[in-house]
Amino acid sequence: MQLQIHGHGVEVTDALREYVESKMVRINRHAEGILDGRVQLSLDKTIQKAEAQIRIAGKEVHAEAVGQDLYAAIDVLADKLDRQLVKHKEKQVDSNRRAEGINRAGEI
């Protein structure tokens, strides 16, 4: 997966970059078809926010999180993306099973 990490009002250090990449590896487990991703870390006065857009085959997933610091925001962001991708994967499996059931019903 290609991952772009940008900072808005904050410098993206090597430590932040490595932390984001380690969290995104976990997300790769649930969706093998991830094409690319973009993570933006921002600091607006006291609000520290992390946003991500991930493109998978046929869909774009967006999530954002606010935290006490950027590391906490990244943790929450990774959890949100993980849940969204699991839900998307479950929908695909259910759709395939329904289609398979319809095909079998037509064979009888």
C-alpha atoms as a PDB file:
ATOM      1  CA  MET A   1       0.000   0.000   0.000  1.00  0.00           C
ATOM      2  CA  GLN A   2       1.251   3.443  -0.883  1.00  0.00           C
ATOM      3  CA  LEU A   3       0.837   5.800   2.048  1.00  0.00           C
ATOM      4  CA  GLN A   4       1.212   9.565   1.954  1.00  0.00           C
ATOM      5  CA  ILE A   5       1.607  11.355   5.270  1.00  0.00           C
ATOM      6  CA  HIS A   6       1.185  15.132   5.389  1.00  0.00           C
ATOM      7  CA  GLY A   7       1.291  17.693   8.153  1.00  0.00           C
ATOM      8  CA  HIS A   8      -0.807  20.824   8.368  1.00  0.00           C
ATOM      9  CA  GLY A   9       0.632  23.190  10.943  1.00  0.00           C
ATOM     10  CA  VAL A  10       2.838  20.440  12.297  1.00  0.00           C
ATOM     11  CA  GLU A  11       6.115  18.915  11.139  1.00  0.00           C
ATOM     12  CA  VAL A  12       5.870  15.209  10.386  1.00  0.00           C
ATOM     13  CA  THR A  13       8.889  13.748  12.148  1.00  0.00           C
ATOM     14  CA  ASP A  14      10.368  10.330  11.472  1.00  0.00           C
ATOM     15  CA  ALA A  15       8.862   9.056  14.736  1.00  0.00           C
ATOM     16  CA  LEU A  16       5.356  10.202  13.722  1.00  0.00           C
ATOM     17  CA  ARG A  17       5.791   8.738  10.239  1.00  0.00           C
ATOM     18  CA  GLU A  18       6.889   5.359  11.621  1.00  0.00           C
ATOM     19  CA  TYR A  19       4.019   5.351  14.135  1.00  0.00           C
ATOM     20  CA  VAL A  20       1.425   6.018  11.430  1.00  0.00           C
ATOM     21  CA  GLU A  21       2.933   3.351   9.176  1.00  0.00           C
ATOM     22  CA  SER A  22       2.907   0.780  12.003  1.00  0.00           C
ATOM     23  CA  LYS A  23      -0.780   1.480  12.658  1.00  0.00           C
ATOM     24  CA  MET A  24      -1.672   1.231   8.984  1.00  0.00           C
ATOM     25  CA  VAL A  25      -0.062  -2.215   8.753  1.00  0.00           C
ATOM     26  CA  ARG A  26      -2.793  -3.448  11.111  1.00  0.00           C
ATOM     27  CA  ILE A  27      -5.436  -2.082   8.755  1.00  0.00           C
ATOM     28  CA  ASN A  28      -3.892  -3.986   5.849  1.00  0.00           C
ATOM     29  CA  ARG A  29      -4.985  -7.267   7.500  1.00  0.00           C
ATOM     30  CA  HIS A  30      -8.680  -6.591   6.875  1.00  0.00           C
ATOM     31  CA  ALA A  31      -8.516  -5.314   3.335  1.00  0.00           C
ATOM     32  CA  GLU A  32      -5.997  -6.871   0.994  1.00  0.00           C
ATOM     33  CA  GLY A  33      -7.139  -4.672  -1.891  1.00  0.00           C
ATOM     34  CA  ILE A  34      -6.024  -1.335  -0.464  1.00  0.00           C
ATOM     35  CA  LEU A  35      -4.770   0.767  -3.337  1.00  0.00           C
ATOM     36  CA  ASP A  36      -3.415   3.797  -1.524  1.00  0.00           C
ATOM     37  CA  GLY A  37      -3.904   5.981   1.504  1.00  0.00           C
ATOM     38  CA  ARG A  38      -3.438   9.553   2.614  1.00  0.00           C
ATOM     39  CA  VAL A  39      -3.028  10.632   6.232  1.00  0.00           C
ATOM     40  CA  GLN A  40      -3.067  14.257   7.301  1.00  0.00           C
ATOM     41  CA  LEU A  41      -1.961  15.322  10.754  1.00  0.00           C
ATOM     42  CA  SER A  42      -2.976  18.799  11.827  1.00  0.00           C
ATOM     43  CA  LEU A  43      -2.620  21.108  14.790  1.00  0.00           C
ATOM     44  CA  ASP A  44      -5.106  23.964  15.229  1.00  0.00           C
ATOM     45  CA  LYS A  45      -4.341  25.842  18.443  1.00  0.00           C
ATOM     46  CA  THR A  46      -5.061  23.102  21.015  1.00  0.00           C
ATOM     47  CA  ILE A  47      -6.876  20.651  18.741  1.00  0.00           C
ATOM     48  CA  GLN A  48      -4.704  17.834  17.431  1.00  0.00           C
ATOM     49  CA  LYS A  49      -6.387  15.930  14.638  1.00  0.00           C
ATOM     50  CA  ALA A  50      -5.582  13.012  12.356  1.00  0.00           C
ATOM     51  CA  GLU A  51      -7.521  12.383   9.139  1.00  0.00           C
ATOM     52  CA  ALA A  52      -7.201   9.547   6.648  1.00  0.00           C
ATOM     53  CA  GLN A  53      -8.602   8.601   3.274  1.00  0.00           C
ATOM     54  CA  ILE A  54      -8.018   5.079   2.041  1.00  0.00           C
ATOM     55  CA  ARG A  55      -8.969   3.841  -1.407  1.00  0.00           C
ATOM     56  CA  ILE A  56      -9.910   0.216  -1.757  1.00  0.00           C
ATOM     57  CA  ALA A  57     -11.361  -1.452  -4.820  1.00  0.00           C
ATOM     58  CA  GLY A  58     -14.706   0.229  -5.439  1.00  0.00           C
ATOM     59  CA  LYS A  59     -14.811   2.432  -2.337  1.00  0.00           C
ATOM     60  CA  GLU A  60     -13.091   5.269  -0.528  1.00  0.00           C
ATOM     61  CA  VAL A  61     -13.019   5.184   3.264  1.00  0.00           C
ATOM     62  CA  HIS A  62     -12.619   8.405   5.269  1.00  0.00           C
ATOM     63  CA  ALA A  63     -12.107   8.818   8.998  1.00  0.00           C
ATOM     64  CA  GLU A  64     -10.916  11.521  11.345  1.00  0.00           C
ATOM     65  CA  ALA A  65     -10.059  11.628  15.012  1.00  0.00           C
ATOM     66  CA  VAL A  66      -9.146  14.205  17.632  1.00  0.00           C
ATOM     67  CA  GLY A  67      -6.959  13.438  20.619  1.00  0.00           C
ATOM     68  CA  GLN A  68      -4.929  14.829  23.497  1.00  0.00           C
ATOM     69  CA  ASP A  69      -1.828  14.480  21.364  1.00  0.00           C
ATOM     70  CA  LEU A  70      -1.149  13.275  17.845  1.00  0.00           C
ATOM     71  CA  TYR A  71      -0.294   9.748  18.965  1.00  0.00           C
ATOM     72  CA  ALA A  72      -3.676   9.363  20.685  1.00  0.00           C
ATOM     73  CA  ALA A  73      -5.450  10.777  17.626  1.00  0.00           C
ATOM     74  CA  ILE A  74      -3.601   8.292  15.395  1.00  0.00           C
ATOM     75  CA  ASP A  75      -4.671   5.417  17.678  1.00  0.00           C
ATOM     76  CA  VAL A  76      -8.327   6.448  17.497  1.00  0.00           C
ATOM     77  CA  LEU A  77      -8.039   6.967  13.740  1.00  0.00           C
ATOM     78  CA  ALA A  78      -6.619   3.481  13.229  1.00  0.00           C
ATOM     79  CA  ASP A  79      -9.458   1.975  15.295  1.00  0.00           C
ATOM     80  CA  LYS A  80     -12.088   3.816  13.243  1.00  0.00           C
ATOM     81  CA  LEU A  81     -10.553   2.761   9.932  1.00  0.00           C
ATOM     82  CA  ASP A  82     -10.246  -0.803  11.173  1.00  0.00           C
ATOM     83  CA  ARG A  83     -13.955  -0.950  12.085  1.00  0.00           C
ATOM     84  CA  GLN A  84     -15.012   0.581   8.772  1.00  0.00           C
ATOM     85  CA  LEU A  85     -12.939  -1.872   6.761  1.00  0.00           C
ATOM     86  CA  VAL A  86     -14.214  -4.863   8.760  1.00  0.00           C
ATOM     87  CA  LYS A  87     -17.791  -3.696   8.169  1.00  0.00           C
ATOM     88  CA  HIS A  88     -17.100  -3.264   4.442  1.00  0.00           C
ATOM     89  CA  LYS A  89     -15.562  -6.727   4.240  1.00  0.00           C
ATOM     90  CA  GLU A  90     -18.564  -8.272   6.049  1.00  0.00           C
ATOM     91  CA  LYS A  91     -20.935  -6.594   3.601  1.00  0.00           C
ATOM     92  CA  GLN A  92     -18.996  -8.039   0.672  1.00  0.00           C
ATOM     93  CA  VAL A  93     -19.054 -11.539   2.174  1.00  0.00           C
ATOM     94  CA  ASP A  94     -22.801 -11.301   2.903  1.00  0.00           C
ATOM     95  CA  SER A  95     -23.459 -10.091  -0.642  1.00  0.00           C
ATOM     96  CA  ASN A  96     -21.462 -12.957  -2.117  1.00  0.00           C
ATOM     97  CA  ARG A  97     -23.277 -15.498   0.052  1.00  0.00           C
ATOM     98  CA  ARG A  98     -26.659 -14.097  -0.936  1.00  0.00           C
ATOM     99  CA  ALA A  99     -25.734 -14.259  -4.614  1.00  0.00           C
ATOM    100  CA  GLU A 100     -24.498 -17.818  -4.170  1.00  0.00           C
ATOM    101  CA  GLY A 101     -27.779 -18.790  -2.499  1.00  0.00           C
ATOM    102  CA  ILE A 102     -29.798 -17.287  -5.347  1.00  0.00           C
ATOM    103  CA  ASN A 103     -27.718 -19.211  -7.895  1.00  0.00           C
ATOM    104  CA  ARG A 104     -28.274 -22.467  -6.006  1.00  0.00           C
ATOM    105  CA  ALA A 105     -32.009 -21.834  -5.761  1.00  0.00           C
ATOM    106  CA  GLY A 106     -32.159 -21.495  -9.545  1.00  0.00           C
ATOM    107  CA  GLU A 107     -30.483 -24.892 -10.012  1.00  0.00           C
ATOM    108  CA  ILE A 108     -33.239 -26.811  -8.250  1.00  0.00           C
END
